[in-house]
Amino acid sequence: MGYEAPCTLRIGAEVARGKAVLEQHDLIFRGPTRLAIPLKTIASAVANDGSLTIRFGKTTAVFDIGTVASRWADRITNPPSRLDKLGVRADMTVMIVGEKHDDLLQEIKARGARVVRTVPSGGTDLVFYGTSRRETLHRLRELKDSLKANGALWVIRPKGSPAIHESDVMAEGKKAGLVDVKVVSFSPTHTAEKFVIPRRDR
């Protein structure tokens, strides 16, 4: 995400220098001591003159991180939705293949994107392929042909399953002539890996 910055952390009278990292679920400080603040516990995040003031529980922590403070405060107070992370926009054509996630379908329709069952002329903007077994990953080759030149293929798989690993998905994507560019937490139980067609092949 690019949310890393050199940081001076102040909590009460204590001052420490290290690195701040804003992850999907936590704001982390790595230095002489390590602090991890779950985003869901943060009551407020305010940026002022290069400082990010975080209130969580009965504690106030000030992260001196410079010019990125405002962007971090906005990210914390207005976290992206799942569709934002997956890059779904209202003007897109989307295809859902394999194992279905009904909540995803409902969210996509609510956003106004066009959900199709067959590949339209010109291809689709996004393909979501749900699978729980490595043996089905050979389909990535045919699904690549469903994409527009600048489209994206998301592989949705269960987390921590012995039946399919991240390495399986990455290897099969490479065989299909795709490059992996992003990984997001799709849900508490599933993860999603994004693949695109290399620029040289578009």
C-alpha atoms as a PDB file:
ATOM      1  CA  MET A   1       0.000   0.000   0.000  1.00  0.00           C
ATOM      2  CA  GLY A   2       2.971   2.332   0.452  1.00  0.00           C
ATOM      3  CA  TYR A   3       2.003   3.261   4.016  1.00  0.00           C
ATOM      4  CA  GLU A   4       5.429   3.216   5.680  1.00  0.00           C
ATOM      5  CA  ALA A   5       7.280   6.190   7.151  1.00  0.00           C
ATOM      6  CA  PRO A   6      10.149   7.055   9.478  1.00  0.00           C
ATOM      7  CA  CYS A   7       8.520   8.024  12.746  1.00  0.00           C
ATOM      8  CA  THR A   8       8.971   9.536  16.157  1.00  0.00           C
ATOM      9  CA  LEU A   9       6.334   8.122  18.490  1.00  0.00           C
ATOM     10  CA  ARG A  10       5.206  10.016  21.572  1.00  0.00           C
ATOM     11  CA  ILE A  11       3.005   8.450  24.254  1.00  0.00           C
ATOM     12  CA  GLY A  12       2.864  10.558  27.384  1.00  0.00           C
ATOM     13  CA  ALA A  13       6.431  11.359  28.402  1.00  0.00           C
ATOM     14  CA  GLU A  14       7.888   8.486  26.389  1.00  0.00           C
ATOM     15  CA  VAL A  15       9.548   9.209  23.047  1.00  0.00           C
ATOM     16  CA  ALA A  16      10.874   6.589  20.619  1.00  0.00           C
ATOM     17  CA  ARG A  17      12.209   6.661  17.073  1.00  0.00           C
ATOM     18  CA  GLY A  18      11.500   3.952  14.526  1.00  0.00           C
ATOM     19  CA  LYS A  19       9.191   3.201  11.622  1.00  0.00           C
ATOM     20  CA  ALA A  20       5.405   3.452  11.362  1.00  0.00           C
ATOM     21  CA  VAL A  21       3.478   1.066   9.137  1.00  0.00           C
ATOM     22  CA  LEU A  22      -0.208   1.348   8.299  1.00  0.00           C
ATOM     23  CA  GLU A  23      -1.510  -2.082   7.361  1.00  0.00           C
ATOM     24  CA  GLN A  24      -4.967  -3.291   6.454  1.00  0.00           C
ATOM     25  CA  HIS A  25      -6.039  -3.966  10.028  1.00  0.00           C
ATOM     26  CA  ASP A  26      -3.373  -2.354  12.228  1.00  0.00           C
ATOM     27  CA  LEU A  27      -1.282   0.751  12.734  1.00  0.00           C
ATOM     28  CA  ILE A  28       2.155  -0.498  13.761  1.00  0.00           C
ATOM     29  CA  PHE A  29       5.237   1.127  15.262  1.00  0.00           C
ATOM     30  CA  ARG A  30       8.543  -0.704  15.006  1.00  0.00           C
ATOM     31  CA  GLY A  31      11.352   0.653  17.136  1.00  0.00           C
ATOM     32  CA  PRO A  32      12.907  -0.034  20.539  1.00  0.00           C
ATOM     33  CA  THR A  33       9.460  -1.341  21.434  1.00  0.00           C
ATOM     34  CA  ARG A  34       6.713  -2.563  19.138  1.00  0.00           C
ATOM     35  CA  LEU A  35       3.198  -1.165  19.198  1.00  0.00           C
ATOM     36  CA  ALA A  36       0.297  -2.549  17.160  1.00  0.00           C
ATOM     37  CA  ILE A  37      -3.006  -0.670  17.301  1.00  0.00           C
ATOM     38  CA  PRO A  38      -5.978  -2.460  15.690  1.00  0.00           C
ATOM     39  CA  LEU A  39      -7.719   0.069  13.428  1.00  0.00           C
ATOM     40  CA  LYS A  40     -11.112  -0.973  14.779  1.00  0.00           C
ATOM     41  CA  THR A  41     -10.061   0.272  18.245  1.00  0.00           C
ATOM     42  CA  ILE A  42      -9.095   3.754  17.065  1.00  0.00           C
ATOM     43  CA  ALA A  43     -11.575   6.382  18.244  1.00  0.00           C
ATOM     44  CA  SER A  44     -10.012   9.269  16.294  1.00  0.00           C
ATOM     45  CA  ALA A  45      -7.132  10.000  13.933  1.00  0.00           C
ATOM     46  CA  VAL A  46      -6.217  13.650  13.426  1.00  0.00           C
ATOM     47  CA  ALA A  47      -3.387  15.079  11.312  1.00  0.00           C
ATOM     48  CA  ASN A  48      -1.779  18.407  12.190  1.00  0.00           C
ATOM     49  CA  ASP A  49       1.500  19.840  10.938  1.00  0.00           C
ATOM     50  CA  GLY A  50       3.078  16.466  10.178  1.00  0.00           C
ATOM     51  CA  SER A  51       1.822  14.719  13.296  1.00  0.00           C
ATOM     52  CA  LEU A  52      -0.832  12.015  13.412  1.00  0.00           C
ATOM     53  CA  THR A  53      -2.630  11.923  16.757  1.00  0.00           C
ATOM     54  CA  ILE A  54      -4.307   8.610  17.486  1.00  0.00           C
ATOM     55  CA  ARG A  55      -6.724   8.039  20.350  1.00  0.00           C
ATOM     56  CA  PHE A  56      -7.479   4.429  21.261  1.00  0.00           C
ATOM     57  CA  GLY A  57      -8.951   3.276  24.538  1.00  0.00           C
ATOM     58  CA  LYS A  58      -7.628   5.649  27.198  1.00  0.00           C
ATOM     59  CA  THR A  59      -4.363   6.199  25.336  1.00  0.00           C
ATOM     60  CA  THR A  60      -3.222   8.979  23.023  1.00  0.00           C
ATOM     61  CA  ALA A  61      -0.271   8.309  20.716  1.00  0.00           C
ATOM     62  CA  VAL A  62       1.328  10.926  18.478  1.00  0.00           C
ATOM     63  CA  PHE A  63       3.089   9.667  15.350  1.00  0.00           C
ATOM     64  CA  ASP A  64       5.392  12.314  13.857  1.00  0.00           C
ATOM     65  CA  ILE A  65       5.494  11.089  10.254  1.00  0.00           C
ATOM     66  CA  GLY A  66       5.690  14.292   8.213  1.00  0.00           C
ATOM     67  CA  THR A  67       3.745  15.179   5.080  1.00  0.00           C
ATOM     68  CA  VAL A  68       1.944  11.810   4.846  1.00  0.00           C
ATOM     69  CA  ALA A  69       0.063  12.394   8.110  1.00  0.00           C
ATOM     70  CA  SER A  70      -3.091  13.730   6.405  1.00  0.00           C
ATOM     71  CA  ARG A  71      -3.235  10.797   3.983  1.00  0.00           C
ATOM     72  CA  TRP A  72      -2.849   8.314   6.835  1.00  0.00           C
ATOM     73  CA  ALA A  73      -5.571  10.016   8.875  1.00  0.00           C
ATOM     74  CA  ASP A  74      -7.949   9.828   5.920  1.00  0.00           C
ATOM     75  CA  ARG A  75      -7.103   6.158   5.332  1.00  0.00           C
ATOM     76  CA  ILE A  76      -7.808   5.338   8.989  1.00  0.00           C
ATOM     77  CA  THR A  77     -11.056   7.311   9.282  1.00  0.00           C
ATOM     78  CA  ASN A  78     -12.338   6.384   5.808  1.00  0.00           C
ATOM     79  CA  PRO A  79     -11.074   2.858   5.134  1.00  0.00           C
ATOM     80  CA  PRO A  80     -11.602   1.507   1.608  1.00  0.00           C
ATOM     81  CA  SER A  81     -14.437  -0.955   1.132  1.00  0.00           C
ATOM     82  CA  ARG A  82     -13.836  -4.435  -0.215  1.00  0.00           C
ATOM     83  CA  LEU A  83     -14.910  -3.333  -3.703  1.00  0.00           C
ATOM     84  CA  ASP A  84     -12.525  -0.387  -3.509  1.00  0.00           C
ATOM     85  CA  LYS A  85      -9.672  -2.773  -2.743  1.00  0.00           C
ATOM     86  CA  LEU A  86     -10.761  -5.036  -5.592  1.00  0.00           C
ATOM     87  CA  GLY A  87     -10.976  -2.111  -8.012  1.00  0.00           C
ATOM     88  CA  VAL A  88     -14.656  -2.474  -8.916  1.00  0.00           C
ATOM     89  CA  ARG A  89     -16.243   0.621 -10.482  1.00  0.00           C
ATOM     90  CA  ALA A  90     -19.770   1.283 -11.727  1.00  0.00           C
ATOM     91  CA  ASP A  91     -18.652   1.533 -15.370  1.00  0.00           C
ATOM     92  CA  MET A  92     -17.098  -1.940 -15.434  1.00  0.00           C
ATOM     93  CA  THR A  93     -18.114  -5.295 -16.861  1.00  0.00           C
ATOM     94  CA  VAL A  94     -17.550  -8.135 -14.398  1.00  0.00           C
ATOM     95  CA  MET A  95     -17.682 -11.921 -14.677  1.00  0.00           C
ATOM     96  CA  ILE A  96     -17.815 -14.297 -11.686  1.00  0.00           C
ATOM     97  CA  VAL A  97     -16.608 -17.835 -12.336  1.00  0.00           C
ATOM     98  CA  GLY A  98     -16.125 -20.980 -10.282  1.00  0.00           C
ATOM     99  CA  GLU A  99     -17.125 -21.094  -6.629  1.00  0.00           C
ATOM    100  CA  LYS A 100     -19.565 -18.301  -5.905  1.00  0.00           C
ATOM    101  CA  HIS A 101     -19.547 -15.712  -3.157  1.00  0.00           C
ATOM    102  CA  ASP A 102     -23.096 -14.372  -3.082  1.00  0.00           C
ATOM    103  CA  ASP A 103     -22.177 -11.372  -0.957  1.00  0.00           C
ATOM    104  CA  LEU A 104     -19.634 -10.286  -3.580  1.00  0.00           C
ATOM    105  CA  LEU A 105     -22.240 -10.542  -6.335  1.00  0.00           C
ATOM    106  CA  GLN A 106     -24.671  -8.411  -4.359  1.00  0.00           C
ATOM    107  CA  GLU A 107     -22.021  -5.773  -3.628  1.00  0.00           C
ATOM    108  CA  ILE A 108     -20.997  -5.564  -7.284  1.00  0.00           C
ATOM    109  CA  LYS A 109     -24.583  -5.152  -8.449  1.00  0.00           C
ATOM    110  CA  ALA A 110     -25.224  -2.519  -5.785  1.00  0.00           C
ATOM    111  CA  ARG A 111     -22.251  -0.536  -7.075  1.00  0.00           C
ATOM    112  CA  GLY A 112     -23.779  -0.532 -10.542  1.00  0.00           C
ATOM    113  CA  ALA A 113     -21.222  -2.651 -12.396  1.00  0.00           C
ATOM    114  CA  ARG A 114     -22.540  -4.923 -15.157  1.00  0.00           C
ATOM    115  CA  VAL A 115     -22.341  -8.615 -14.244  1.00  0.00           C
ATOM    116  CA  VAL A 116     -22.221 -10.959 -17.275  1.00  0.00           C
ATOM    117  CA  ARG A 117     -22.392 -14.722 -17.682  1.00  0.00           C
ATOM    118  CA  THR A 118     -20.617 -14.878 -21.043  1.00  0.00           C
ATOM    119  CA  VAL A 119     -17.690 -12.890 -22.351  1.00  0.00           C
ATOM    120  CA  PRO A 120     -18.863  -9.787 -24.235  1.00  0.00           C
ATOM    121  CA  SER A 121     -17.203  -8.544 -27.386  1.00  0.00           C
ATOM    122  CA  GLY A 122     -14.037  -6.796 -26.336  1.00  0.00           C
ATOM    123  CA  GLY A 123     -13.676  -8.760 -23.117  1.00  0.00           C
ATOM    124  CA  THR A 124     -14.388  -8.062 -19.460  1.00  0.00           C
ATOM    125  CA  ASP A 125     -12.790  -5.570 -17.090  1.00  0.00           C
ATOM    126  CA  LEU A 126     -12.677  -7.973 -14.143  1.00  0.00           C
ATOM    127  CA  VAL A 127     -12.970 -11.723 -13.693  1.00  0.00           C
ATOM    128  CA  PHE A 128     -13.374 -13.202 -10.220  1.00  0.00           C
ATOM    129  CA  TYR A 129     -12.461 -16.886 -10.079  1.00  0.00           C
ATOM    130  CA  GLY A 130     -13.343 -18.722  -6.883  1.00  0.00           C
ATOM    131  CA  THR A 131     -11.543 -21.990  -6.241  1.00  0.00           C
ATOM    132  CA  SER A 132     -10.574 -24.157  -3.276  1.00  0.00           C
ATOM    133  CA  ARG A 133      -8.397 -26.749  -5.079  1.00  0.00           C
ATOM    134  CA  ARG A 134      -5.099 -26.387  -6.906  1.00  0.00           C
ATOM    135  CA  GLU A 135      -6.274 -28.878  -9.525  1.00  0.00           C
ATOM    136  CA  THR A 136      -8.698 -26.291 -10.946  1.00  0.00           C
ATOM    137  CA  LEU A 137      -6.107 -23.567 -11.478  1.00  0.00           C
ATOM    138  CA  HIS A 138      -5.488 -24.646 -15.081  1.00  0.00           C
ATOM    139  CA  ARG A 139      -8.587 -22.563 -15.897  1.00  0.00           C
ATOM    140  CA  LEU A 140      -6.514 -19.402 -15.503  1.00  0.00           C
ATOM    141  CA  ARG A 141      -5.291 -19.837 -19.076  1.00  0.00           C
ATOM    142  CA  GLU A 142      -8.785 -19.726 -20.559  1.00  0.00           C
ATOM    143  CA  LEU A 143      -9.910 -16.984 -18.188  1.00  0.00           C
ATOM    144  CA  LYS A 144      -7.015 -14.818 -19.357  1.00  0.00           C
ATOM    145  CA  ASP A 145      -8.654 -14.781 -22.783  1.00  0.00           C
ATOM    146  CA  SER A 146     -11.817 -13.326 -21.208  1.00  0.00           C
ATOM    147  CA  LEU A 147     -10.025 -10.132 -20.191  1.00  0.00           C
ATOM    148  CA  LYS A 148      -9.700  -6.788 -21.853  1.00  0.00           C
ATOM    149  CA  ALA A 149      -6.062  -5.893 -22.469  1.00  0.00           C
ATOM    150  CA  ASN A 150      -5.996  -3.833 -19.275  1.00  0.00           C
ATOM    151  CA  GLY A 151      -8.376  -6.099 -17.353  1.00  0.00           C
ATOM    152  CA  ALA A 152      -7.680  -8.035 -14.184  1.00  0.00           C
ATOM    153  CA  LEU A 153      -8.245 -11.589 -12.991  1.00  0.00           C
ATOM    154  CA  TRP A 154      -8.776 -12.150  -9.261  1.00  0.00           C
ATOM    155  CA  VAL A 155      -8.307 -15.629  -7.793  1.00  0.00           C
ATOM    156  CA  ILE A 156     -10.273 -16.080  -4.582  1.00  0.00           C
ATOM    157  CA  ARG A 157      -9.138 -18.979  -2.405  1.00  0.00           C
ATOM    158  CA  PRO A 158      -9.540 -20.107   1.216  1.00  0.00           C
ATOM    159  CA  LYS A 159      -6.867 -19.006   3.671  1.00  0.00           C
ATOM    160  CA  GLY A 160      -4.650 -21.655   5.234  1.00  0.00           C
ATOM    161  CA  SER A 161      -6.037 -24.528   3.187  1.00  0.00           C
ATOM    162  CA  PRO A 162      -3.718 -27.463   2.436  1.00  0.00           C
ATOM    163  CA  ALA A 163      -5.647 -27.995  -0.815  1.00  0.00           C
ATOM    164  CA  ILE A 164      -4.402 -24.743  -2.357  1.00  0.00           C
ATOM    165  CA  HIS A 165      -1.500 -22.485  -1.469  1.00  0.00           C
ATOM    166  CA  GLU A 166      -0.408 -19.028  -2.579  1.00  0.00           C
ATOM    167  CA  SER A 167       2.550 -20.615  -4.357  1.00  0.00           C
ATOM    168  CA  ASP A 168       0.166 -22.800  -6.395  1.00  0.00           C
ATOM    169  CA  VAL A 169      -1.791 -19.765  -7.548  1.00  0.00           C
ATOM    170  CA  MET A 170       1.314 -17.743  -8.380  1.00  0.00           C
ATOM    171  CA  ALA A 171       2.890 -20.593 -10.347  1.00  0.00           C
ATOM    172  CA  GLU A 172      -0.248 -21.269 -12.385  1.00  0.00           C
ATOM    173  CA  GLY A 173      -0.746 -17.572 -13.057  1.00  0.00           C
ATOM    174  CA  LYS A 174       2.789 -17.370 -14.437  1.00  0.00           C
ATOM    175  CA  LYS A 175       2.149 -20.412 -16.643  1.00  0.00           C
ATOM    176  CA  ALA A 176      -0.950 -18.658 -17.982  1.00  0.00           C
ATOM    177  CA  GLY A 177       1.151 -15.679 -19.023  1.00  0.00           C
ATOM    178  CA  LEU A 178      -0.080 -13.392 -16.259  1.00  0.00           C
ATOM    179  CA  VAL A 179       1.722 -11.349 -13.625  1.00  0.00           C
ATOM    180  CA  ASP A 180       0.594 -11.023 -10.012  1.00  0.00           C
ATOM    181  CA  VAL A 181       0.296  -7.433  -8.812  1.00  0.00           C
ATOM    182  CA  LYS A 182      -1.724  -7.411  -5.590  1.00  0.00           C
ATOM    183  CA  VAL A 183      -3.045  -9.513  -2.712  1.00  0.00           C
ATOM    184  CA  VAL A 184      -5.975  -8.496  -0.508  1.00  0.00           C
ATOM    185  CA  SER A 185      -7.845 -10.061   2.363  1.00  0.00           C
ATOM    186  CA  PHE A 186     -11.151 -10.919   0.689  1.00  0.00           C
ATOM    187  CA  SER A 187     -12.882 -11.994   3.898  1.00  0.00           C
ATOM    188  CA  PRO A 188     -12.002 -13.521   7.284  1.00  0.00           C
ATOM    189  CA  THR A 189     -11.805 -16.907   5.549  1.00  0.00           C
ATOM    190  CA  HIS A 190     -10.601 -16.084   2.018  1.00  0.00           C
ATOM    191  CA  THR A 191      -7.843 -14.186   0.273  1.00  0.00           C
ATOM    192  CA  ALA A 192      -7.697 -12.814  -3.272  1.00  0.00           C
ATOM    193  CA  GLU A 193      -4.735 -12.517  -5.648  1.00  0.00           C
ATOM    194  CA  LYS A 194      -4.835 -10.144  -8.598  1.00  0.00           C
ATOM    195  CA  PHE A 195      -3.302 -10.952 -11.978  1.00  0.00           C
ATOM    196  CA  VAL A 196      -2.972  -8.830 -15.103  1.00  0.00           C
ATOM    197  CA  ILE A 197      -1.667  -9.289 -18.628  1.00  0.00           C
ATOM    198  CA  PRO A 198       1.948  -8.060 -18.917  1.00  0.00           C
ATOM    199  CA  ARG A 199       2.237  -4.717 -20.713  1.00  0.00           C
ATOM    200  CA  ARG A 200       4.361  -6.268 -23.446  1.00  0.00           C
ATOM    201  CA  ASP A 201       1.484  -8.622 -24.359  1.00  0.00           C
ATOM    202  CA  ARG A 202      -1.365  -6.100 -24.395  1.00  0.00           C
END
